[in-house]
Amino acid sequence: MAFPAGNSDVVAIVDVCRQHRVAMVPYGTGTGGVEGGVVPGGEAICIALSAMSAIIGVYAADRYAVVQAGVTRKQLNARLAEMGTGLEFPVDPGADTCH
């Protein structure tokens, strides 16, 4: 399992995996277990993206946000509330993620 802290770490992990022909399975903040998508088979590495939790930008007028894979719904909603946008990222059944 790999735990990148930023984009450059992800690039380095992908480069090593490509070089050694190892499959990659991304894992965000924990919802993958619900669908079974984080069960790498054979020779594969799981890339846990939960440490990548930056909110890159919120564009209220266009009603979208750019976030990293580890941002939770609660984090995004707190930012939206701080900004006074009147917007909210609604409940995602079974998850607290934004991706």
PDB file of N, CA and C in Angstrom:
ATOM      1  N   MET A   1       0.846  -1.166   0.000  1.00  0.00           N
ATOM      2  CA  MET A   1       0.000   0.000   0.000  1.00  0.00           C
ATOM      3  C   MET A   1       0.896   1.234   0.000  1.00  0.00           C
ATOM      4  N   ALA A   2       0.482   2.247  -0.761  1.00  0.00           N
ATOM      5  CA  ALA A   2       1.247   3.491  -0.840  1.00  0.00           C
ATOM      6  C   ALA A   2       0.374   4.631  -0.326  1.00  0.00           C
ATOM      7  N   PHE A   3       0.999   5.609   0.324  1.00  0.00           N
ATOM      8  CA  PHE A   3       0.280   6.730   0.923  1.00  0.00           C
ATOM      9  C   PHE A   3       0.852   8.058   0.422  1.00  0.00           C
ATOM     10  N   PRO A   4       0.498   8.489  -0.784  1.00  0.00           N
ATOM     11  CA  PRO A   4       1.019   9.754  -1.302  1.00  0.00           C
ATOM     12  C   PRO A   4       0.454  10.948  -0.532  1.00  0.00           C
ATOM     13  N   ALA A   5       1.278  11.990  -0.407  1.00  0.00           N
ATOM     14  CA  ALA A   5       0.842  13.208   0.275  1.00  0.00           C
ATOM     15  C   ALA A   5       0.501  14.312  -0.722  1.00  0.00           C
ATOM     16  N   GLY A   6       0.819  14.111  -1.989  1.00  0.00           N
ATOM     17  CA  GLY A   6       0.561  15.128  -2.999  1.00  0.00           C
ATOM     18  C   GLY A   6       0.708  14.580  -4.399  1.00  0.00           C
ATOM     19  N   ASN A   7       0.468  15.446  -5.376  1.00  0.00           N
ATOM     20  CA  ASN A   7       0.504  15.027  -6.769  1.00  0.00           C
ATOM     21  C   ASN A   7       1.845  14.455  -7.190  1.00  0.00           C
ATOM     22  N   SER A   8       2.943  15.050  -6.728  1.00  0.00           N
ATOM     23  CA  SER A   8       4.262  14.551  -7.129  1.00  0.00           C
ATOM     24  C   SER A   8       4.498  13.136  -6.602  1.00  0.00           C
ATOM     25  N   ASP A   9       3.978  12.828  -5.432  1.00  0.00           N
ATOM     26  CA  ASP A   9       4.087  11.464  -4.901  1.00  0.00           C
ATOM     27  C   ASP A   9       3.308  10.480  -5.777  1.00  0.00           C
ATOM     28  N   VAL A  10       2.110  10.892  -6.200  1.00  0.00           N
ATOM     29  CA  VAL A  10       1.306  10.024  -7.056  1.00  0.00           C
ATOM     30  C   VAL A  10       2.041   9.763  -8.365  1.00  0.00           C
ATOM     31  N   VAL A  11       2.617  10.795  -8.950  1.00  0.00           N
ATOM     32  CA  VAL A  11       3.365  10.647 -10.194  1.00  0.00           C
ATOM     33  C   VAL A  11       4.513   9.656 -10.003  1.00  0.00           C
ATOM     34  N   ALA A  12       5.236   9.777  -8.901  1.00  0.00           N
ATOM     35  CA  ALA A  12       6.364   8.867  -8.638  1.00  0.00           C
ATOM     36  C   ALA A  12       5.884   7.426  -8.486  1.00  0.00           C
ATOM     37  N   ILE A  13       4.779   7.226  -7.790  1.00  0.00           N
ATOM     38  CA  ILE A  13       4.233   5.878  -7.603  1.00  0.00           C
ATOM     39  C   ILE A  13       3.798   5.296  -8.941  1.00  0.00           C
ATOM     40  N   VAL A  14       3.120   6.094  -9.743  1.00  0.00           N
ATOM     41  CA  VAL A  14       2.666   5.639 -11.062  1.00  0.00           C
ATOM     42  C   VAL A  14       3.864   5.287 -11.930  1.00  0.00           C
ATOM     43  N   ASP A  15       4.905   6.095 -11.900  1.00  0.00           N
ATOM     44  CA  ASP A  15       6.100   5.811 -12.694  1.00  0.00           C
ATOM     45  C   ASP A  15       6.727   4.482 -12.302  1.00  0.00           C
ATOM     46  N   VAL A  16       6.850   4.224 -10.997  1.00  0.00           N
ATOM     47  CA  VAL A  16       7.433   2.961 -10.529  1.00  0.00           C
ATOM     48  C   VAL A  16       6.548   1.781 -10.935  1.00  0.00           C
ATOM     49  N   CYS A  17       5.245   1.938 -10.763  1.00  0.00           N
ATOM     50  CA  CYS A  17       4.321   0.863 -11.133  1.00  0.00           C
ATOM     51  C   CYS A  17       4.380   0.580 -12.635  1.00  0.00           C
ATOM     52  N   ARG A  18       4.429   1.644 -13.425  1.00  0.00           N
ATOM     53  CA  ARG A  18       4.520   1.470 -14.876  1.00  0.00           C
ATOM     54  C   ARG A  18       5.818   0.764 -15.251  1.00  0.00           C
ATOM     55  N   GLN A  19       6.903   1.185 -14.634  1.00  0.00           N
ATOM     56  CA  GLN A  19       8.213   0.602 -14.919  1.00  0.00           C
ATOM     57  C   GLN A  19       8.239  -0.895 -14.597  1.00  0.00           C
ATOM     58  N   HIS A  20       7.559  -1.286 -13.515  1.00  0.00           N
ATOM     59  CA  HIS A  20       7.572  -2.687 -13.085  1.00  0.00           C
ATOM     60  C   HIS A  20       6.303  -3.437 -13.491  1.00  0.00           C
ATOM     61  N   ARG A  21       5.446  -2.770 -14.275  1.00  0.00           N
ATOM     62  CA  ARG A  21       4.208  -3.364 -14.781  1.00  0.00           C
ATOM     63  C   ARG A  21       3.332  -3.908 -13.641  1.00  0.00           C
ATOM     64  N   VAL A  22       3.139  -3.067 -12.631  1.00  0.00           N
ATOM     65  CA  VAL A  22       2.320  -3.397 -11.472  1.00  0.00           C
ATOM     66  C   VAL A  22       1.014  -2.610 -11.569  1.00  0.00           C
ATOM     67  N   ALA A  23      -0.096  -3.297 -11.398  1.00  0.00           N
ATOM     68  CA  ALA A  23      -1.400  -2.645 -11.444  1.00  0.00           C
ATOM     69  C   ALA A  23      -1.576  -1.745 -10.226  1.00  0.00           C
ATOM     70  N   MET A  24      -2.409  -0.700 -10.395  1.00  0.00           N
ATOM     71  CA  MET A  24      -2.676   0.249  -9.309  1.00  0.00           C
ATOM     72  C   MET A  24      -4.175   0.302  -9.049  1.00  0.00           C
ATOM     73  N   VAL A  25      -4.540   0.350  -7.765  1.00  0.00           N
ATOM     74  CA  VAL A  25      -5.937   0.495  -7.372  1.00  0.00           C
ATOM     75  C   VAL A  25      -6.009   1.692  -6.432  1.00  0.00           C
ATOM     76  N   PRO A  26      -6.686   2.792  -6.854  1.00  0.00           N
ATOM     77  CA  PRO A  26      -6.795   3.961  -5.978  1.00  0.00           C
ATOM     78  C   PRO A  26      -7.799   3.732  -4.859  1.00  0.00           C
ATOM     79  N   TYR A  27      -7.551   4.357  -3.718  1.00  0.00           N
ATOM     80  CA  TYR A  27      -8.429   4.253  -2.557  1.00  0.00           C
ATOM     81  C   TYR A  27      -8.553   5.642  -1.968  1.00  0.00           C
ATOM     82  N   GLY A  28      -9.763   6.194  -1.922  1.00  0.00           N
ATOM     83  CA  GLY A  28      -9.983   7.557  -1.435  1.00  0.00           C
ATOM     84  C   GLY A  28     -10.050   7.625   0.072  1.00  0.00           C
ATOM     85  N   THR A  29     -11.244   7.854   0.606  1.00  0.00           N
ATOM     86  CA  THR A  29     -11.387   8.002   2.059  1.00  0.00           C
ATOM     87  C   THR A  29     -12.152   6.865   2.703  1.00  0.00           C
ATOM     88  N   GLY A  30     -12.375   5.797   1.994  1.00  0.00           N
ATOM     89  CA  GLY A  30     -12.954   4.634   2.638  1.00  0.00           C
ATOM     90  C   GLY A  30     -14.207   4.052   2.037  1.00  0.00           C
ATOM     91  N   THR A  31     -14.748   4.626   0.973  1.00  0.00           N
ATOM     92  CA  THR A  31     -15.978   4.068   0.417  1.00  0.00           C
ATOM     93  C   THR A  31     -15.722   2.869  -0.475  1.00  0.00           C
ATOM     94  N   GLY A  32     -14.497   2.673  -0.914  1.00  0.00           N
ATOM     95  CA  GLY A  32     -14.186   1.576  -1.833  1.00  0.00           C
ATOM     96  C   GLY A  32     -14.524   0.215  -1.273  1.00  0.00           C
ATOM     97  N   GLY A  33     -14.500   0.063   0.051  1.00  0.00           N
ATOM     98  CA  GLY A  33     -14.835  -1.210   0.655  1.00  0.00           C
ATOM     99  C   GLY A  33     -16.291  -1.578   0.461  1.00  0.00           C
ATOM    100  N   VAL A  34     -17.150  -0.576   0.270  1.00  0.00           N
ATOM    101  CA  VAL A  34     -18.572  -0.831   0.071  1.00  0.00           C
ATOM    102  C   VAL A  34     -18.795  -1.559  -1.250  1.00  0.00           C
ATOM    103  N   GLU A  35     -18.089  -1.116  -2.274  1.00  0.00           N
ATOM    104  CA  GLU A  35     -18.247  -1.710  -3.592  1.00  0.00           C
ATOM    105  C   GLU A  35     -17.259  -2.839  -3.856  1.00  0.00           C
ATOM    106  N   GLY A  36     -16.283  -3.014  -3.006  1.00  0.00           N
ATOM    107  CA  GLY A  36     -15.278  -4.050  -3.217  1.00  0.00           C
ATOM    108  C   GLY A  36     -14.225  -3.658  -4.229  1.00  0.00           C
ATOM    109  N   GLY A  37     -14.139  -2.374  -4.566  1.00  0.00           N
ATOM    110  CA  GLY A  37     -13.211  -1.921  -5.588  1.00  0.00           C
ATOM    111  C   GLY A  37     -11.780  -1.800  -5.119  1.00  0.00           C
ATOM    112  N   VAL A  38     -11.509  -2.024  -3.856  1.00  0.00           N
ATOM    113  CA  VAL A  38     -10.152  -1.868  -3.350  1.00  0.00           C
ATOM    114  C   VAL A  38      -9.592  -3.213  -2.917  1.00  0.00           C
ATOM    115  N   VAL A  39      -9.869  -4.194  -3.718  1.00  0.00           N
ATOM    116  CA  VAL A  39      -9.324  -5.520  -3.456  1.00  0.00           C
ATOM    117  C   VAL A  39      -8.403  -5.849  -4.629  1.00  0.00           C
ATOM    118  N   PRO A  40      -7.144  -5.373  -4.553  1.00  0.00           N
ATOM    119  CA  PRO A  40      -6.250  -5.618  -5.675  1.00  0.00           C
ATOM    120  C   PRO A  40      -5.945  -7.112  -5.801  1.00  0.00           C
ATOM    121  N   GLY A  41      -6.071  -7.604  -6.985  1.00  0.00           N
ATOM    122  CA  GLY A  41      -5.772  -9.011  -7.218  1.00  0.00           C
ATOM    123  C   GLY A  41      -4.397  -9.165  -7.837  1.00  0.00           C
ATOM    124  N   GLY A  42      -3.775 -10.279  -7.572  1.00  0.00           N
ATOM    125  CA  GLY A  42      -2.461 -10.541  -8.155  1.00  0.00           C
ATOM    126  C   GLY A  42      -1.434  -9.529  -7.693  1.00  0.00           C
ATOM    127  N   GLU A  43      -0.592  -9.129  -8.618  1.00  0.00           N
ATOM    128  CA  GLU A  43       0.452  -8.159  -8.293  1.00  0.00           C
ATOM    129  C   GLU A  43      -0.091  -6.764  -8.541  1.00  0.00           C
ATOM    130  N   ALA A  44      -0.517  -6.119  -7.483  1.00  0.00           N
ATOM    131  CA  ALA A  44      -1.075  -4.775  -7.578  1.00  0.00           C
ATOM    132  C   ALA A  44      -0.753  -4.015  -6.303  1.00  0.00           C
ATOM    133  N   ILE A  45      -0.823  -2.703  -6.401  1.00  0.00           N
ATOM    134  CA  ILE A  45      -0.598  -1.865  -5.232  1.00  0.00           C
ATOM    135  C   ILE A  45      -1.832  -0.981  -5.034  1.00  0.00           C
ATOM    136  N   CYS A  46      -2.216  -0.827  -3.801  1.00  0.00           N
ATOM    137  CA  CYS A  46      -3.324   0.049  -3.445  1.00  0.00           C
ATOM    138  C   CYS A  46      -2.728   1.414  -3.107  1.00  0.00           C
ATOM    139  N   ILE A  47      -3.247   2.468  -3.735  1.00  0.00           N
ATOM    140  CA  ILE A  47      -2.765   3.818  -3.491  1.00  0.00           C
ATOM    141  C   ILE A  47      -3.808   4.552  -2.658  1.00  0.00           C
ATOM    142  N   ALA A  48      -3.523   4.734  -1.376  1.00  0.00           N
ATOM    143  CA  ALA A  48      -4.446   5.392  -0.447  1.00  0.00           C
ATOM    144  C   ALA A  48      -4.297   6.904  -0.578  1.00  0.00           C
ATOM    145  N   LEU A  49      -5.360   7.564  -1.016  1.00  0.00           N
ATOM    146  CA  LEU A  49      -5.314   8.994  -1.310  1.00  0.00           C
ATOM    147  C   LEU A  49      -5.890   9.874  -0.196  1.00  0.00           C
ATOM    148  N   SER A  50      -6.154   9.301   0.961  1.00  0.00           N
ATOM    149  CA  SER A  50      -6.814  10.042   2.039  1.00  0.00           C
ATOM    150  C   SER A  50      -5.998  11.227   2.556  1.00  0.00           C
ATOM    151  N   ALA A  51      -4.680  11.191   2.438  1.00  0.00           N
ATOM    152  CA  ALA A  51      -3.851  12.306   2.900  1.00  0.00           C
ATOM    153  C   ALA A  51      -3.922  13.499   1.955  1.00  0.00           C
ATOM    154  N   MET A  52      -4.440  13.262   0.754  1.00  0.00           N
ATOM    155  CA  MET A  52      -4.571  14.344  -0.220  1.00  0.00           C
ATOM    156  C   MET A  52      -5.933  14.993  -0.014  1.00  0.00           C
ATOM    157  N   SER A  53      -6.000  15.929   0.925  1.00  0.00           N
ATOM    158  CA  SER A  53      -7.291  16.468   1.346  1.00  0.00           C
ATOM    159  C   SER A  53      -7.394  17.983   1.179  1.00  0.00           C
ATOM    160  N   ALA A  54      -6.830  18.481   0.106  1.00  0.00           N
ATOM    161  CA  ALA A  54      -6.890  19.927  -0.146  1.00  0.00           C
ATOM    162  C   ALA A  54      -8.116  20.280  -0.984  1.00  0.00           C
ATOM    163  N   ILE A  55      -8.727  21.393  -0.628  1.00  0.00           N
ATOM    164  CA  ILE A  55      -9.785  21.966  -1.459  1.00  0.00           C
ATOM    165  C   ILE A  55      -9.084  22.979  -2.356  1.00  0.00           C
ATOM    166  N   ILE A  56      -9.001  22.670  -3.635  1.00  0.00           N
ATOM    167  CA  ILE A  56      -8.234  23.478  -4.577  1.00  0.00           C
ATOM    168  C   ILE A  56      -8.960  24.789  -4.892  1.00  0.00           C
ATOM    169  N   GLY A  57     -10.246  24.686  -5.127  1.00  0.00           N
ATOM    170  CA  GLY A  57     -11.004  25.887  -5.446  1.00  0.00           C
ATOM    171  C   GLY A  57     -12.497  25.643  -5.362  1.00  0.00           C
ATOM    172  N   VAL A  58     -13.228  26.690  -4.997  1.00  0.00           N
ATOM    173  CA  VAL A  58     -14.689  26.628  -4.957  1.00  0.00           C
ATOM    174  C   VAL A  58     -15.190  27.741  -5.877  1.00  0.00           C
ATOM    175  N   TYR A  59     -16.008  27.383  -6.823  1.00  0.00           N
ATOM    176  CA  TYR A  59     -16.521  28.317  -7.810  1.00  0.00           C
ATOM    177  C   TYR A  59     -18.038  28.362  -7.671  1.00  0.00           C
ATOM    178  N   ALA A  60     -18.485  29.115  -6.664  1.00  0.00           N
ATOM    179  CA  ALA A  60     -19.899  29.131  -6.282  1.00  0.00           C
ATOM    180  C   ALA A  60     -20.803  29.560  -7.428  1.00  0.00           C
ATOM    181  N   ALA A  61     -20.398  30.554  -8.191  1.00  0.00           N
ATOM    182  CA  ALA A  61     -21.238  31.043  -9.279  1.00  0.00           C
ATOM    183  C   ALA A  61     -21.500  29.947 -10.318  1.00  0.00           C
ATOM    184  N   ASP A  62     -20.519  29.074 -10.506  1.00  0.00           N
ATOM    185  CA  ASP A  62     -20.658  27.974 -11.467  1.00  0.00           C
ATOM    186  C   ASP A  62     -21.099  26.679 -10.802  1.00  0.00           C
ATOM    187  N   ARG A  63     -21.212  26.725  -9.473  1.00  0.00           N
ATOM    188  CA  ARG A  63     -21.659  25.584  -8.668  1.00  0.00           C
ATOM    189  C   ARG A  63     -20.778  24.340  -8.817  1.00  0.00           C
ATOM    190  N   TYR A  64     -19.474  24.556  -8.697  1.00  0.00           N
ATOM    191  CA  TYR A  64     -18.574  23.410  -8.656  1.00  0.00           C
ATOM    192  C   TYR A  64     -17.353  23.711  -7.803  1.00  0.00           C
ATOM    193  N   ALA A  65     -16.708  22.637  -7.395  1.00  0.00           N
ATOM    194  CA  ALA A  65     -15.491  22.747  -6.594  1.00  0.00           C
ATOM    195  C   ALA A  65     -14.472  21.764  -7.131  1.00  0.00           C
ATOM    196  N   VAL A  66     -13.219  22.106  -6.962  1.00  0.00           N
ATOM    197  CA  VAL A  66     -12.122  21.205  -7.323  1.00  0.00           C
ATOM    198  C   VAL A  66     -11.465  20.780  -6.020  1.00  0.00           C
ATOM    199  N   VAL A  67     -11.472  19.469  -5.765  1.00  0.00           N
ATOM    200  CA  VAL A  67     -10.923  18.932  -4.523  1.00  0.00           C
ATOM    201  C   VAL A  67     -10.018  17.746  -4.820  1.00  0.00           C
ATOM    202  N   GLN A  68      -9.126  17.461  -3.876  1.00  0.00           N
ATOM    203  CA  GLN A  68      -8.326  16.243  -3.988  1.00  0.00           C
ATOM    204  C   GLN A  68      -9.155  15.065  -3.478  1.00  0.00           C
ATOM    205  N   ALA A  69      -8.701  13.867  -3.765  1.00  0.00           N
ATOM    206  CA  ALA A  69      -9.467  12.646  -3.495  1.00  0.00           C
ATOM    207  C   ALA A  69      -9.766  12.408  -2.021  1.00  0.00           C
ATOM    208  N   GLY A  70      -8.990  12.968  -1.118  1.00  0.00           N
ATOM    209  CA  GLY A  70      -9.209  12.719   0.306  1.00  0.00           C
ATOM    210  C   GLY A  70     -10.132  13.713   0.993  1.00  0.00           C
ATOM    211  N   VAL A  71     -10.687  14.677   0.270  1.00  0.00           N
ATOM    212  CA  VAL A  71     -11.578  15.670   0.878  1.00  0.00           C
ATOM    213  C   VAL A  71     -12.909  15.006   1.224  1.00  0.00           C
ATOM    214  N   THR A  72     -13.380  15.274   2.431  1.00  0.00           N
ATOM    215  CA  THR A  72     -14.663  14.710   2.838  1.00  0.00           C
ATOM    216  C   THR A  72     -15.790  15.706   2.587  1.00  0.00           C
ATOM    217  N   ARG A  73     -16.989  15.181   2.566  1.00  0.00           N
ATOM    218  CA  ARG A  73     -18.190  16.005   2.404  1.00  0.00           C
ATOM    219  C   ARG A  73     -18.249  17.053   3.506  1.00  0.00           C
ATOM    220  N   LYS A  74     -17.919  16.654   4.732  1.00  0.00           N
ATOM    221  CA  LYS A  74     -17.965  17.584   5.864  1.00  0.00           C
ATOM    222  C   LYS A  74     -16.952  18.721   5.689  1.00  0.00           C
ATOM    223  N   GLN A  75     -15.767  18.399   5.201  1.00  0.00           N
ATOM    224  CA  GLN A  75     -14.762  19.435   4.964  1.00  0.00           C
ATOM    225  C   GLN A  75     -15.245  20.433   3.912  1.00  0.00           C
ATOM    226  N   LEU A  76     -15.793  19.913   2.816  1.00  0.00           N
ATOM    227  CA  LEU A  76     -16.266  20.791   1.757  1.00  0.00           C
ATOM    228  C   LEU A  76     -17.425  21.647   2.244  1.00  0.00           C
ATOM    229  N   ASN A  77     -18.349  21.055   2.978  1.00  0.00           N
ATOM    230  CA  ASN A  77     -19.484  21.828   3.491  1.00  0.00           C
ATOM    231  C   ASN A  77     -19.038  22.908   4.471  1.00  0.00           C
ATOM    232  N   ALA A  78     -18.022  22.624   5.268  1.00  0.00           N
ATOM    233  CA  ALA A  78     -17.497  23.640   6.184  1.00  0.00           C
ATOM    234  C   ALA A  78     -16.928  24.809   5.391  1.00  0.00           C
ATOM    235  N   ARG A  79     -16.195  24.518   4.320  1.00  0.00           N
ATOM    236  CA  ARG A  79     -15.639  25.593   3.484  1.00  0.00           C
ATOM    237  C   ARG A  79     -16.750  26.397   2.834  1.00  0.00           C
ATOM    238  N   LEU A  80     -17.772  25.703   2.319  1.00  0.00           N
ATOM    239  CA  LEU A  80     -18.896  26.395   1.694  1.00  0.00           C
ATOM    240  C   LEU A  80     -19.603  27.305   2.696  1.00  0.00           C
ATOM    241  N   ALA A  81     -19.762  26.835   3.935  1.00  0.00           N
ATOM    242  CA  ALA A  81     -20.405  27.642   4.976  1.00  0.00           C
ATOM    243  C   ALA A  81     -19.553  28.862   5.317  1.00  0.00           C
ATOM    244  N   GLU A  82     -18.222  28.670   5.431  1.00  0.00           N
ATOM    245  CA  GLU A  82     -17.307  29.781   5.723  1.00  0.00           C
ATOM    246  C   GLU A  82     -17.411  30.871   4.656  1.00  0.00           C
ATOM    247  N   MET A  83     -17.598  30.431   3.416  1.00  0.00           N
ATOM    248  CA  MET A  83     -17.662  31.369   2.296  1.00  0.00           C
ATOM    249  C   MET A  83     -19.025  32.054   2.194  1.00  0.00           C
ATOM    250  N   GLY A  84     -20.020  31.530   2.917  1.00  0.00           N
ATOM    251  CA  GLY A  84     -21.350  32.114   2.864  1.00  0.00           C
ATOM    252  C   GLY A  84     -22.024  31.950   1.507  1.00  0.00           C
ATOM    253  N   THR A  85     -21.757  30.843   0.847  1.00  0.00           N
ATOM    254  CA  THR A  85     -22.287  30.620  -0.501  1.00  0.00           C
ATOM    255  C   THR A  85     -23.752  30.224  -0.514  1.00  0.00           C
ATOM    256  N   GLY A  86     -24.241  29.658   0.595  1.00  0.00           N
ATOM    257  CA  GLY A  86     -25.593  29.108   0.608  1.00  0.00           C
ATOM    258  C   GLY A  86     -25.661  27.759  -0.078  1.00  0.00           C
ATOM    259  N   LEU A  87     -24.510  27.257  -0.538  1.00  0.00           N
ATOM    260  CA  LEU A  87     -24.455  25.959  -1.200  1.00  0.00           C
ATOM    261  C   LEU A  87     -24.077  24.875  -0.205  1.00  0.00           C
ATOM    262  N   GLU A  88     -24.414  23.643  -0.556  1.00  0.00           N
ATOM    263  CA  GLU A  88     -24.070  22.494   0.275  1.00  0.00           C
ATOM    264  C   GLU A  88     -23.885  21.285  -0.629  1.00  0.00           C
ATOM    265  N   PHE A  89     -22.877  20.459  -0.302  1.00  0.00           N
ATOM    266  CA  PHE A  89     -22.684  19.193  -0.996  1.00  0.00           C
ATOM    267  C   PHE A  89     -23.524  18.178  -0.232  1.00  0.00           C
ATOM    268  N   PRO A  90     -24.610  17.675  -0.831  1.00  0.00           N
ATOM    269  CA  PRO A  90     -25.551  16.833  -0.086  1.00  0.00           C
ATOM    270  C   PRO A  90     -24.973  15.482   0.311  1.00  0.00           C
ATOM    271  N   VAL A  91     -25.723  14.807   1.142  1.00  0.00           N
ATOM    272  CA  VAL A  91     -25.301  13.504   1.659  1.00  0.00           C
ATOM    273  C   VAL A  91     -25.112  12.519   0.519  1.00  0.00           C
ATOM    274  N   ASP A  92     -24.006  11.814   0.576  1.00  0.00           N
ATOM    275  CA  ASP A  92     -23.713  10.737  -0.348  1.00  0.00           C
ATOM    276  C   ASP A  92     -24.004   9.438   0.409  1.00  0.00           C
ATOM    277  N   PRO A  93     -25.015   8.679   0.009  1.00  0.00           N
ATOM    278  CA  PRO A  93     -25.365   7.472   0.768  1.00  0.00           C
ATOM    279  C   PRO A  93     -24.169   6.551   0.954  1.00  0.00           C
ATOM    280  N   GLY A  94     -23.858   6.265   2.199  1.00  0.00           N
ATOM    281  CA  GLY A  94     -22.780   5.323   2.503  1.00  0.00           C
ATOM    282  C   GLY A  94     -21.394   5.942   2.470  1.00  0.00           C
ATOM    283  N   ALA A  95     -21.314   7.268   2.347  1.00  0.00           N
ATOM    284  CA  ALA A  95     -19.986   7.853   2.235  1.00  0.00           C
ATOM    285  C   ALA A  95     -19.931   9.247   2.825  1.00  0.00           C
ATOM    286  N   ASP A  96     -18.727   9.699   3.068  1.00  0.00           N
ATOM    287  CA  ASP A  96     -18.500  11.076   3.490  1.00  0.00           C
ATOM    288  C   ASP A  96     -17.479  11.714   2.571  1.00  0.00           C
ATOM    289  N   THR A  97     -17.454  11.279   1.326  1.00  0.00           N
ATOM    290  CA  THR A  97     -16.447  11.771   0.393  1.00  0.00           C
ATOM    291  C   THR A  97     -17.042  12.715  -0.639  1.00  0.00           C
ATOM    292  N   CYS A  98     -16.175  13.441  -1.308  1.00  0.00           N
ATOM    293  CA  CYS A  98     -16.615  14.399  -2.324  1.00  0.00           C
ATOM    294  C   CYS A  98     -16.257  13.984  -3.735  1.00  0.00           C
ATOM    295  N   HIS A  99     -15.432  13.003  -3.901  1.00  0.00           N
ATOM    296  CA  HIS A  99     -14.958  12.681  -5.255  1.00  0.00           C
ATOM    297  C   HIS A  99     -15.982  12.019  -6.114  1.00  0.00           C
TER     298      HIS A  99
END
